[in-house]
């Protein structure tokens, strides 16, 4: 046990001695200070600690919309842009050499001369590398937690879920770095292949998002065609009834009306069948991409769990605020209101977004984390086997 503690302390000292550790921490603290400069008063939003104000009747002190806006800035921007990109890249650069340097410098022989199992050594070194991210994310999330509590009076512990979720997010990527580093003993190769793997996962996720958006759009288009056909069928029934009751002078007019309606139904039916064929082809692509994603870690979905937890069952989301899709009472605009304003295109886009969000939220958090951790464990088992069986 003392050997394990000594290794963890040594890992922390090694990370602490790296300049990127302190650079990342300083940037995180600057972002927390900038985040804390945003507040709310009776007139609207105050920024730069009150030096600049933006009047708003919606985002005032004590308003539920203010909390959604404030926490949305944290989950949509600070987590997604900084922790999930900037800080992660700096962390990879800082930790990528831990295993290659340990294997190449002869340090491993010295450590193995002590009474410690190789598998234990591997696990402790891996956990020690994750201390970089764990410490950085903890400082960042605790700082945001304090800012939210002081600024809007809501001490929401859900914010602290970012600590385990972002650490897991990083571990999904870093495990590949460790595998390549153990095999090649090259920090550069480990970093490049790790970044390539990250880019591959990002590309597959982007493809999945685009296909899902198109599939939802075409599904709604098929439903629209069916609704048009049903409406025209009702008009045909009414026209046939009027034709049966019409006199000789008006029969020709109703016959032309029936012919026109039947032509429209035929056209809509043909276009609907073509749309269904395209939808079936796109569905096959969607299933293929979803199957590929099943075997890969759910990076975007893991980050999304924090947003899902923060928004909860709120009737208005941060996306609604960005798009202005809420009314004076702080509720989402209803579909009827959108149509009454003649903005059917905006309503369709919102309907697509809501369907996609509902589909994403229907996926269990345990499934997202379970399959991702399973991928990580498989990669780490391979890396541990190489580490244990190598001759030193």
Protein backbone atom coordinates (compact mmCIF):
# COMPACT_ATOMS: atom_id res chain seq x y z
CA UNK A 1 0.00 0.00 0.00
CA UNK A 2 2.83 2.38 0.82
CA UNK A 3 4.36 1.68 -2.60
CA UNK A 4 1.08 2.59 -4.32
CA UNK A 5 0.78 5.84 -2.36
CA UNK A 6 4.40 6.67 -3.16
CA UNK A 7 3.76 6.09 -6.88
CA UNK A 8 0.66 8.34 -6.83
CA UNK A 9 2.58 11.08 -5.04
CA UNK A 10 5.40 10.72 -7.56
CA UNK A 11 2.90 10.98 -10.42
CA UNK A 12 1.42 14.14 -8.94
CA UNK A 13 4.86 15.68 -8.49
CA UNK A 14 5.72 14.81 -12.08
CA UNK A 15 2.58 16.52 -13.38
CA UNK A 16 3.05 19.43 -10.99
CA UNK A 17 6.52 20.04 -12.42
CA UNK A 18 5.15 20.46 -15.95
CA UNK A 19 4.50 24.02 -17.12
CA UNK A 20 1.37 23.00 -18.99
CA UNK A 21 -0.18 21.92 -15.69
CA UNK A 22 0.03 25.46 -14.34
CA UNK A 23 -0.86 27.04 -17.69
CA UNK A 24 -4.05 25.01 -17.89
CA UNK A 25 -4.91 25.80 -14.29
CA UNK A 26 -4.33 29.53 -14.85
CA UNK A 27 -6.53 29.56 -17.96
CA UNK A 28 -9.26 27.68 -16.10
CA UNK A 29 -9.19 30.19 -13.26
CA UNK A 30 -9.34 33.09 -15.74
CA UNK A 31 -12.44 31.56 -17.32
CA UNK A 32 -14.04 31.11 -13.90
CA UNK A 33 -13.32 34.77 -13.08
CA UNK A 34 -14.82 35.82 -16.43
CA UNK A 35 -17.85 33.63 -15.77
CA UNK A 36 -18.26 35.20 -12.34
CA UNK A 37 -18.29 38.67 -13.90
CA UNK A 38 -21.76 37.92 -15.34
CA UNK A 39 -24.66 38.69 -13.02
CA UNK A 40 -28.29 39.76 -12.97
CA UNK A 41 -30.14 42.69 -11.43
CA UNK A 42 -33.62 44.21 -11.60
CA UNK A 43 -32.88 45.71 -15.04
CA UNK A 44 -31.31 42.74 -16.79
CA UNK A 45 -27.83 41.27 -17.27
CA UNK A 46 -24.73 42.88 -15.79
CA UNK A 47 -21.27 42.05 -17.11
CA UNK A 48 -17.70 42.78 -16.09
CA UNK A 49 -18.80 43.00 -12.46
CA UNK A 50 -21.36 45.72 -13.14
CA UNK A 51 -19.34 47.89 -15.54
CA UNK A 52 -21.69 47.04 -18.42
CA UNK A 53 -25.41 46.25 -18.41
CA UNK A 54 -27.85 44.83 -20.93
CA UNK A 55 -31.50 45.58 -20.18
CA UNK A 56 -33.83 42.62 -20.53
CA UNK A 57 -37.31 41.96 -19.15
CA UNK A 58 -36.66 38.21 -19.16
CA UNK A 59 -33.20 37.79 -17.66
CA UNK A 60 -33.51 39.60 -14.37
CA UNK A 61 -32.49 38.76 -10.83
CA UNK A 62 -34.48 35.80 -9.50
CA UNK A 63 -35.88 34.79 -12.90
CA UNK A 64 -35.81 31.05 -13.81
CA UNK A 65 -34.62 32.07 -17.27
CA UNK A 66 -31.55 33.67 -15.67
CA UNK A 67 -30.57 30.35 -14.12
CA UNK A 68 -31.05 28.52 -17.44
CA UNK A 69 -28.95 31.14 -19.24
CA UNK A 70 -26.19 31.11 -16.63
CA UNK A 71 -25.91 27.32 -16.37
CA UNK A 72 -26.24 27.05 -20.15
CA UNK A 73 -23.18 29.24 -20.65
CA UNK A 74 -21.30 26.80 -18.41
CA UNK A 75 -22.52 23.55 -20.01
CA UNK A 76 -22.72 24.63 -23.68
CA UNK A 77 -19.65 26.86 -23.94
CA UNK A 78 -17.25 26.49 -21.04
CA UNK A 79 -17.50 22.71 -20.89
CA UNK A 80 -17.76 22.09 -24.64
CA UNK A 81 -15.17 24.60 -25.85
CA UNK A 82 -12.68 24.79 -23.00
CA UNK A 83 -12.72 21.57 -20.99
CA UNK A 84 -13.66 19.25 -23.85
CA UNK A 85 -11.25 20.81 -26.37
CA UNK A 86 -8.67 23.30 -25.11
CA UNK A 87 -7.93 21.77 -21.71
CA UNK A 88 -8.11 18.24 -23.11
CA UNK A 89 -5.50 18.95 -25.80
CA UNK A 90 -3.19 20.55 -23.23
CA UNK A 91 -3.71 17.58 -20.90
CA UNK A 92 -2.90 15.10 -23.69
CA UNK A 93 0.29 16.98 -24.54
CA UNK A 94 1.29 17.01 -20.89
CA UNK A 95 0.49 13.37 -20.05
CA UNK A 96 1.30 11.62 -23.34
CA UNK A 97 4.95 11.08 -22.40
CA UNK A 98 4.28 9.46 -19.00
CA UNK A 99 4.32 5.83 -20.15
CA UNK A 100 6.85 6.17 -23.03
CA UNK A 101 9.34 8.04 -20.83
CA UNK A 102 8.79 5.60 -17.98
CA UNK A 103 9.56 2.65 -20.26
CA UNK A 104 12.40 4.24 -22.20
CA UNK A 105 14.38 5.92 -19.44
CA UNK A 106 15.03 2.83 -17.33
CA UNK A 107 12.78 3.96 -14.50
CA UNK A 108 10.61 0.89 -14.90
CA UNK A 109 13.49 -1.45 -13.95
CA UNK A 110 14.08 0.50 -10.74
CA UNK A 111 10.41 0.40 -9.76
CA UNK A 112 10.03 -3.29 -10.61
CA UNK A 113 12.92 -4.06 -8.30
CA UNK A 114 10.55 -3.19 -5.45
CA UNK A 115 7.82 -5.61 -4.23
CA UNK A 116 5.03 -4.40 -6.54
CA UNK A 117 3.11 -6.31 -9.20
CA UNK A 118 3.32 -5.13 -12.80
CA UNK A 119 -0.44 -4.89 -13.20
CA UNK A 120 -0.63 -2.76 -10.05
CA UNK A 121 2.14 -0.54 -11.39
CA UNK A 122 0.29 -0.12 -14.69
CA UNK A 123 -3.00 0.81 -12.99
CA UNK A 124 -1.34 3.25 -10.59
CA UNK A 125 0.55 4.98 -13.42
CA UNK A 126 -2.70 5.27 -15.41
CA UNK A 127 -4.64 6.69 -12.47
CA UNK A 128 -1.76 9.02 -11.72
CA UNK A 129 -1.97 10.44 -15.24
CA UNK A 130 -5.71 11.05 -14.78
CA UNK A 131 -4.90 13.17 -11.72
CA UNK A 132 -4.00 15.97 -14.13
CA UNK A 133 -7.54 16.18 -15.49
CA UNK A 134 -9.24 15.35 -12.20
CA UNK A 135 -7.52 18.20 -10.37
CA UNK A 136 -8.06 20.72 -13.19
CA UNK A 137 -11.73 19.86 -13.65
CA UNK A 138 -12.36 19.87 -9.89
CA UNK A 139 -10.94 23.38 -9.51
CA UNK A 140 -12.91 24.57 -12.54
CA UNK A 141 -16.27 23.05 -11.55
CA UNK A 142 -16.00 24.08 -7.90
CA UNK A 143 -15.23 27.63 -9.04
CA UNK A 144 -18.28 27.63 -11.33
CA UNK A 145 -20.40 26.14 -8.53
CA UNK A 146 -19.42 29.04 -6.25
CA UNK A 147 -20.07 31.62 -9.01
CA UNK A 148 -23.56 30.25 -9.69
CA UNK A 149 -24.36 30.21 -5.98
CA UNK A 150 -23.20 33.77 -5.41
CA UNK A 151 -24.63 35.23 -8.62
CA UNK A 152 -28.09 33.66 -8.81
CA UNK A 153 -28.46 32.23 -5.32
CA UNK A 154 -28.76 28.62 -6.52
CA UNK A 155 -26.28 26.20 -5.00
CA UNK A 156 -26.85 23.45 -7.54
CA UNK A 157 -24.67 20.38 -6.86
CA UNK A 158 -25.53 19.11 -10.35
CA UNK A 159 -22.75 21.37 -11.64
CA UNK A 160 -20.25 19.13 -9.83
CA UNK A 161 -21.27 16.21 -12.07
CA UNK A 162 -18.88 17.78 -14.55
CA UNK A 163 -15.96 16.45 -12.48
CA UNK A 164 -16.54 12.71 -13.05
CA UNK A 165 -18.07 13.16 -16.53
CA UNK A 166 -15.21 15.21 -17.99
CA UNK A 167 -12.64 12.95 -16.33
CA UNK A 168 -14.36 9.96 -17.95
CA UNK A 169 -14.49 11.84 -21.25
CA UNK A 170 -10.73 12.34 -21.09
CA UNK A 171 -10.06 8.74 -20.09
CA UNK A 172 -11.87 7.47 -23.22
CA UNK A 173 -9.25 9.25 -25.33
CA UNK A 174 -6.24 8.78 -23.08
CA UNK A 175 -6.56 4.98 -22.95
CA UNK A 176 -5.67 4.86 -26.67
CA UNK A 177 -2.71 7.11 -25.95
CA UNK A 178 -1.51 4.65 -23.29
CA UNK A 179 -1.89 1.62 -25.57
CA UNK A 180 0.15 3.21 -28.37
CA UNK A 181 2.70 4.57 -25.90
CA UNK A 182 3.26 1.16 -24.30
CA UNK A 183 3.61 -0.56 -27.70
CA UNK A 184 5.79 2.05 -29.45
CA UNK A 185 7.54 3.69 -26.46
CA UNK A 186 7.21 6.89 -28.49
CA UNK A 187 5.41 9.90 -27.02
CA UNK A 188 5.05 11.51 -30.45
CA UNK A 189 3.47 8.42 -31.99
CA UNK A 190 1.14 8.06 -29.01
CA UNK A 191 0.00 11.67 -29.28
CA UNK A 192 -0.50 11.62 -33.05
CA UNK A 193 -2.46 8.37 -33.11
CA UNK A 194 -4.51 9.48 -30.11
CA UNK A 195 -5.44 12.73 -31.86
CA UNK A 196 -6.22 10.78 -35.03
CA UNK A 197 -8.51 8.47 -33.05
CA UNK A 198 -10.21 11.48 -31.46
CA UNK A 199 -10.72 13.03 -34.90
CA UNK A 200 -12.17 9.72 -36.14
CA UNK A 201 -14.68 9.61 -33.30
CA UNK A 202 -15.57 13.26 -33.89
CA UNK A 203 -16.10 12.58 -37.61
CA UNK A 204 -18.32 9.57 -36.97
CA UNK A 205 -20.35 11.58 -34.46
CA UNK A 206 -20.74 14.45 -36.92
CA UNK A 207 -21.86 12.01 -39.61
CA UNK A 208 -24.35 10.54 -37.16
CA UNK A 209 -25.72 13.99 -36.33
CA UNK A 210 -26.11 14.92 -40.01
CA UNK A 211 -27.79 11.62 -40.90
CA UNK A 212 -30.08 11.85 -37.88
CA UNK A 213 -31.07 15.39 -38.82
CA UNK A 214 -31.77 14.36 -42.45
CA UNK A 215 -33.65 11.22 -41.33
CA UNK A 216 -35.85 13.28 -39.00
CA UNK A 217 -36.44 15.86 -41.73
CA UNK A 218 -37.46 13.22 -44.28
CA UNK A 219 -39.63 11.43 -41.73
CA UNK A 220 -41.49 14.68 -41.11
CA UNK A 221 -41.76 15.16 -44.87
CA UNK A 222 -43.35 11.72 -45.25
CA UNK A 223 -45.79 12.55 -42.46
CA UNK A 224 -46.63 15.83 -44.21
CA UNK A 225 -47.38 14.02 -47.46
CA UNK A 226 -49.64 11.58 -45.62
CA UNK A 227 -51.44 14.47 -43.94
CA UNK A 228 -51.93 16.16 -47.33
CA UNK A 229 -53.31 12.92 -48.81
CA UNK A 230 -55.72 12.50 -45.90
CA UNK A 231 -56.94 16.09 -46.26
CA UNK A 232 -57.44 15.67 -50.00
CA UNK A 233 -59.34 12.41 -49.42
CA UNK A 234 -61.73 14.30 -47.15
CA UNK A 235 -62.18 16.95 -49.83
CA UNK A 236 -62.88 14.20 -52.37
CA UNK A 237 -65.58 12.73 -50.13
CA UNK A 238 -67.19 16.15 -49.74
CA UNK A 239 -66.97 16.81 -53.49
CA UNK A 240 -68.53 13.41 -54.28
CA UNK A 241 -71.37 14.13 -51.88
CA UNK A 242 -71.99 17.52 -53.46
CA UNK A 243 -71.78 15.99 -56.93
CA UNK A 244 -74.50 13.49 -56.03
CA UNK A 245 -76.71 16.35 -54.85
CA UNK A 246 -75.85 18.78 -57.69
CA UNK A 247 -78.10 19.68 -60.57
CA UNK A 248 -77.11 19.41 -64.22
CA UNK A 249 -75.69 22.95 -64.39
CA UNK A 250 -73.18 22.47 -61.56
CA UNK A 251 -72.24 18.83 -62.16
CA UNK A 252 -69.49 19.71 -64.64
CA UNK A 253 -67.85 22.04 -62.10
CA UNK A 254 -67.80 19.34 -59.40
CA UNK A 255 -66.52 16.76 -61.88
CA UNK A 256 -63.58 19.01 -62.73
CA UNK A 257 -62.99 19.54 -59.01
CA UNK A 258 -62.97 15.78 -58.39
CA UNK A 259 -60.59 15.20 -61.28
CA UNK A 260 -58.22 17.86 -59.93
CA UNK A 261 -58.33 16.42 -56.42
CA UNK A 262 -57.65 12.88 -57.67
CA UNK A 263 -54.69 14.15 -59.69
CA UNK A 264 -53.31 15.85 -56.56
CA UNK A 265 -53.74 12.68 -54.50
CA UNK A 266 -51.95 10.66 -57.18
CA UNK A 267 -49.07 13.15 -57.27
CA UNK A 268 -48.77 13.27 -53.47
CA UNK A 269 -48.90 9.47 -53.28
CA UNK A 270 -46.15 9.13 -55.87
CA UNK A 271 -43.96 11.71 -54.14
CA UNK A 272 -44.65 10.07 -50.77
CA UNK A 273 -43.53 6.67 -52.09
CA UNK A 274 -40.34 8.20 -53.48
CA UNK A 275 -39.73 9.90 -50.13
CA UNK A 276 -40.23 6.61 -48.29
CA UNK A 277 -37.70 4.89 -50.57
CA UNK A 278 -35.13 7.60 -49.87
CA UNK A 279 -35.96 7.37 -46.17
CA UNK A 280 -35.42 3.60 -46.24
CA UNK A 281 -31.98 4.05 -47.85
CA UNK A 282 -31.04 6.75 -45.36
CA UNK A 283 -32.29 4.55 -42.53
CA UNK A 284 -29.84 1.84 -43.59
CA UNK A 285 -26.99 4.36 -43.43
CA UNK A 286 -28.22 5.56 -40.04
CA UNK A 287 -28.30 2.02 -38.67
CA UNK A 288 -24.77 1.41 -39.94
CA UNK A 289 -23.41 4.54 -38.30
CA UNK A 290 -25.29 3.81 -35.07
CA UNK A 291 -23.80 0.31 -35.04
CA UNK A 292 -20.31 1.78 -35.45
CA UNK A 293 -20.95 4.22 -32.62
CA UNK A 294 -22.07 1.34 -30.41
CA UNK A 295 -18.49 0.03 -30.30
CA UNK A 296 -16.90 3.46 -29.76
CA UNK A 297 -16.88 5.56 -26.59
CA UNK A 298 -19.77 8.04 -26.44
CA UNK A 299 -17.75 11.24 -26.13
CA UNK A 300 -20.46 13.73 -27.12
CA UNK A 301 -23.17 11.84 -25.24
CA UNK A 302 -21.06 11.75 -22.06
CA UNK A 303 -20.70 15.53 -22.15
CA UNK A 304 -24.39 15.81 -22.96
CA UNK A 305 -25.31 14.04 -19.73
CA UNK A 306 -24.26 17.16 -17.81
CA UNK A 307 -26.51 19.38 -19.94
CA UNK A 308 -29.34 16.88 -19.56
CA UNK A 309 -28.96 16.91 -15.78
CA UNK A 310 -28.76 20.71 -15.54
CA UNK A 311 -31.81 21.34 -17.75
CA UNK A 312 -33.86 18.57 -16.15
CA UNK A 313 -37.55 18.91 -16.98
CA UNK A 314 -37.40 22.65 -17.64
CA UNK A 315 -39.89 23.84 -20.25
CA UNK A 316 -37.25 26.17 -21.73
CA UNK A 317 -33.75 25.05 -22.69
CA UNK A 318 -30.61 27.04 -23.39
CA UNK A 319 -31.13 26.36 -27.11
CA UNK A 320 -34.59 27.95 -26.88
CA UNK A 321 -32.99 31.04 -25.36
CA UNK A 322 -30.38 31.24 -28.14
CA UNK A 323 -33.06 30.94 -30.83
CA UNK A 324 -35.51 33.24 -29.03
CA UNK A 325 -38.05 30.43 -28.93
CA UNK A 326 -39.81 31.44 -25.71
CA UNK A 327 -42.66 33.81 -24.91
CA UNK A 328 -43.13 36.61 -22.39
CA UNK A 329 -44.09 34.14 -19.66
CA UNK A 330 -40.81 32.27 -20.01
CA UNK A 331 -42.39 29.25 -21.74
CA UNK A 332 -41.65 27.69 -25.11
CA UNK A 333 -43.67 29.09 -27.99
CA UNK A 334 -46.39 26.62 -28.85
CA UNK A 335 -46.60 25.16 -32.33
CA UNK A 336 -49.94 26.90 -32.82
CA UNK A 337 -48.39 30.26 -31.98
CA UNK A 338 -45.60 29.65 -34.47
CA UNK A 339 -48.05 28.79 -37.24
CA UNK A 340 -50.29 31.72 -36.39
CA UNK A 341 -47.30 33.99 -36.87
CA UNK A 342 -46.78 32.52 -40.34
CA UNK A 343 -43.39 31.11 -39.41
CA UNK A 344 -43.97 27.51 -40.48
CA UNK A 345 -40.33 26.98 -41.49
CA UNK A 346 -39.09 28.00 -38.04
CA UNK A 347 -41.73 25.76 -36.49
CA UNK A 348 -40.58 22.79 -38.58
CA UNK A 349 -36.96 23.39 -37.59
CA UNK A 350 -37.97 23.54 -33.94
CA UNK A 351 -40.01 20.36 -34.28
CA UNK A 352 -37.00 18.57 -35.77
CA UNK A 353 -34.79 19.78 -32.95
CA UNK A 354 -37.27 18.67 -30.31
CA UNK A 355 -37.58 15.21 -31.86
CA UNK A 356 -33.81 14.78 -32.01
CA UNK A 357 -33.42 15.98 -28.42
CA UNK A 358 -36.16 13.59 -27.31
CA UNK A 359 -34.39 10.72 -29.08
CA UNK A 360 -31.08 11.63 -27.41
CA UNK A 361 -32.69 11.89 -23.98
CA UNK A 362 -34.35 8.51 -24.42
CA UNK A 363 -30.91 6.86 -24.35
CA UNK A 364 -30.08 5.67 -20.84
CA UNK A 365 -27.15 7.31 -19.07
CA UNK A 366 -26.09 3.87 -17.86
CA UNK A 367 -25.92 2.62 -21.46
CA UNK A 368 -23.84 5.63 -22.55
CA UNK A 369 -21.38 5.27 -19.69
CA UNK A 370 -21.42 1.46 -19.66
CA UNK A 371 -20.53 0.95 -23.31
CA UNK A 372 -17.91 3.71 -23.17
CA UNK A 373 -16.22 2.31 -20.07
CA UNK A 374 -16.35 -1.17 -21.64
CA UNK A 375 -14.40 0.17 -24.65
CA UNK A 376 -11.88 1.78 -22.31
CA UNK A 377 -11.43 -1.42 -20.31
CA UNK A 378 -10.79 -3.46 -23.47
CA UNK A 379 -8.10 -1.00 -24.61
CA UNK A 380 -6.52 -0.92 -21.15
CA UNK A 381 -6.48 -4.72 -20.93
CA UNK A 382 -4.55 -4.90 -24.20
CA UNK A 383 -2.16 -2.19 -22.98
CA UNK A 384 -1.70 -3.94 -19.62
CA UNK A 385 -0.94 -7.28 -21.33
CA UNK A 386 1.77 -5.63 -23.43
CA UNK A 387 3.14 -3.84 -20.34
CA UNK A 388 3.18 -7.01 -18.22
CA UNK A 389 4.68 -9.36 -20.82
CA UNK A 390 7.41 -7.04 -22.09
CA UNK A 391 10.96 -7.84 -21.05
CA UNK A 392 12.70 -5.05 -19.12
